[in-house]
């Protein structure tokens, strides 16, 4: 619980939307003969946050391996 898992889920959902959901929605709309005006999420703002969190997660693993972590 906390801000880090929340931001991770938000960034993960945006990535899933861009690379899976959007393409599936446009494909399904095309099969139905409809045209959708859906835009991809702006990953330019989210990727630095996600990559920063992944970097911080790596530092946390390093701390745990060296037994510096709090109990």
C-alpha atoms as a PDB file:
ATOM      1  CA  UNK A   1       0.000   0.000   0.000  1.00  0.00           C
ATOM      2  CA  UNK A   2       1.165   3.514  -0.629  1.00  0.00           C
ATOM      3  CA  UNK A   3       2.051   5.830  -3.448  1.00  0.00           C
ATOM      4  CA  UNK A   4       4.658   3.650  -5.162  1.00  0.00           C
ATOM      5  CA  UNK A   5       2.344   0.710  -5.955  1.00  0.00           C
ATOM      6  CA  UNK A   6      -0.379   3.143  -7.037  1.00  0.00           C
ATOM      7  CA  UNK A   7       1.934   4.956  -9.454  1.00  0.00           C
ATOM      8  CA  UNK A   8       3.218   1.608 -10.692  1.00  0.00           C
ATOM      9  CA  UNK A   9      -0.310   0.413 -11.442  1.00  0.00           C
ATOM     10  CA  UNK A  10      -1.209   3.691 -13.169  1.00  0.00           C
ATOM     11  CA  UNK A  11       1.905   3.561 -15.366  1.00  0.00           C
ATOM     12  CA  UNK A  12       1.352  -0.141 -16.034  1.00  0.00           C
ATOM     13  CA  UNK A  13      -2.267   0.496 -17.026  1.00  0.00           C
ATOM     14  CA  UNK A  14      -1.172   3.285 -19.379  1.00  0.00           C
ATOM     15  CA  UNK A  15       1.408   1.005 -21.002  1.00  0.00           C
ATOM     16  CA  UNK A  16      -1.176  -1.782 -21.315  1.00  0.00           C
ATOM     17  CA  UNK A  17      -3.636   0.665 -22.883  1.00  0.00           C
ATOM     18  CA  UNK A  18      -1.079   1.952 -25.414  1.00  0.00           C
ATOM     19  CA  UNK A  19       0.265  -1.402 -26.526  1.00  0.00           C
ATOM     20  CA  UNK A  20      -2.691  -3.749 -26.071  1.00  0.00           C
ATOM     21  CA  UNK A  21      -6.015  -2.073 -25.266  1.00  0.00           C
ATOM     22  CA  UNK A  22      -5.915   0.669 -27.880  1.00  0.00           C
ATOM     23  CA  UNK A  23      -4.997  -1.710 -30.690  1.00  0.00           C
ATOM     24  CA  UNK A  24      -7.679  -4.195 -29.659  1.00  0.00           C
ATOM     25  CA  UNK A  25     -10.315  -1.454 -29.405  1.00  0.00           C
ATOM     26  CA  UNK A  26      -9.437  -0.072 -32.832  1.00  0.00           C
ATOM     27  CA  UNK A  27      -9.416  -3.585 -34.325  1.00  0.00           C
ATOM     28  CA  UNK A  28     -12.819  -4.420 -32.802  1.00  0.00           C
ATOM     29  CA  UNK A  29     -14.249  -1.117 -33.996  1.00  0.00           C
ATOM     30  CA  UNK A  30     -12.889  -1.786 -37.483  1.00  0.00           C
ATOM     31  CA  UNK A  31     -14.562  -5.213 -37.529  1.00  0.00           C
ATOM     32  CA  UNK A  32     -17.830  -3.579 -36.487  1.00  0.00           C
ATOM     33  CA  UNK A  33     -17.493  -0.973 -39.240  1.00  0.00           C
ATOM     34  CA  UNK A  34     -17.101   1.909 -36.801  1.00  0.00           C
ATOM     35  CA  UNK A  35     -14.384   4.492 -36.605  1.00  0.00           C
ATOM     36  CA  UNK A  36     -13.080   5.411 -33.156  1.00  0.00           C
ATOM     37  CA  UNK A  37     -11.140   8.552 -32.343  1.00  0.00           C
ATOM     38  CA  UNK A  38      -9.095   7.116 -29.478  1.00  0.00           C
ATOM     39  CA  UNK A  39      -5.707   8.535 -28.592  1.00  0.00           C
ATOM     40  CA  UNK A  40      -2.838   6.739 -26.911  1.00  0.00           C
ATOM     41  CA  UNK A  41      -1.828   7.784 -23.404  1.00  0.00           C
ATOM     42  CA  UNK A  42       1.051  10.243 -23.215  1.00  0.00           C
ATOM     43  CA  UNK A  43       3.921   8.017 -22.094  1.00  0.00           C
ATOM     44  CA  UNK A  44       6.387  10.884 -22.427  1.00  0.00           C
ATOM     45  CA  UNK A  45       5.293  12.113 -19.014  1.00  0.00           C
ATOM     46  CA  UNK A  46       4.856   8.691 -17.376  1.00  0.00           C
ATOM     47  CA  UNK A  47       7.975   6.821 -18.473  1.00  0.00           C
ATOM     48  CA  UNK A  48      10.421   8.970 -16.461  1.00  0.00           C
ATOM     49  CA  UNK A  49       8.311   8.298 -13.360  1.00  0.00           C
ATOM     50  CA  UNK A  50       8.125   4.570 -14.079  1.00  0.00           C
ATOM     51  CA  UNK A  51      11.826   4.266 -14.881  1.00  0.00           C
ATOM     52  CA  UNK A  52      12.691   6.276 -11.782  1.00  0.00           C
ATOM     53  CA  UNK A  53      10.584   3.958  -9.652  1.00  0.00           C
ATOM     54  CA  UNK A  54      12.237   0.916 -11.187  1.00  0.00           C
ATOM     55  CA  UNK A  55      15.623   2.415 -10.376  1.00  0.00           C
ATOM     56  CA  UNK A  56      14.576   3.077  -6.791  1.00  0.00           C
ATOM     57  CA  UNK A  57      13.307  -0.489  -6.575  1.00  0.00           C
ATOM     58  CA  UNK A  58      16.741  -1.688  -7.618  1.00  0.00           C
ATOM     59  CA  UNK A  59      18.360   0.321  -4.826  1.00  0.00           C
ATOM     60  CA  UNK A  60      15.912  -1.198  -2.362  1.00  0.00           C
ATOM     61  CA  UNK A  61      16.887  -4.694  -3.494  1.00  0.00           C
ATOM     62  CA  UNK A  62      20.543  -3.756  -3.067  1.00  0.00           C
ATOM     63  CA  UNK A  63      19.810  -2.637   0.507  1.00  0.00           C
ATOM     64  CA  UNK A  64      17.992  -5.874   1.273  1.00  0.00           C
ATOM     65  CA  UNK A  65      20.843  -7.987  -0.093  1.00  0.00           C
ATOM     66  CA  UNK A  66      23.322  -6.109   2.103  1.00  0.00           C
ATOM     67  CA  UNK A  67      21.066  -6.444   5.175  1.00  0.00           C
ATOM     68  CA  UNK A  68      20.598  -2.676   5.497  1.00  0.00           C
ATOM     69  CA  UNK A  69      16.786  -2.866   5.264  1.00  0.00           C
ATOM     70  CA  UNK A  70      14.519  -1.858   8.127  1.00  0.00           C
ATOM     71  CA  UNK A  71      12.457  -4.487   9.847  1.00  0.00           C
END
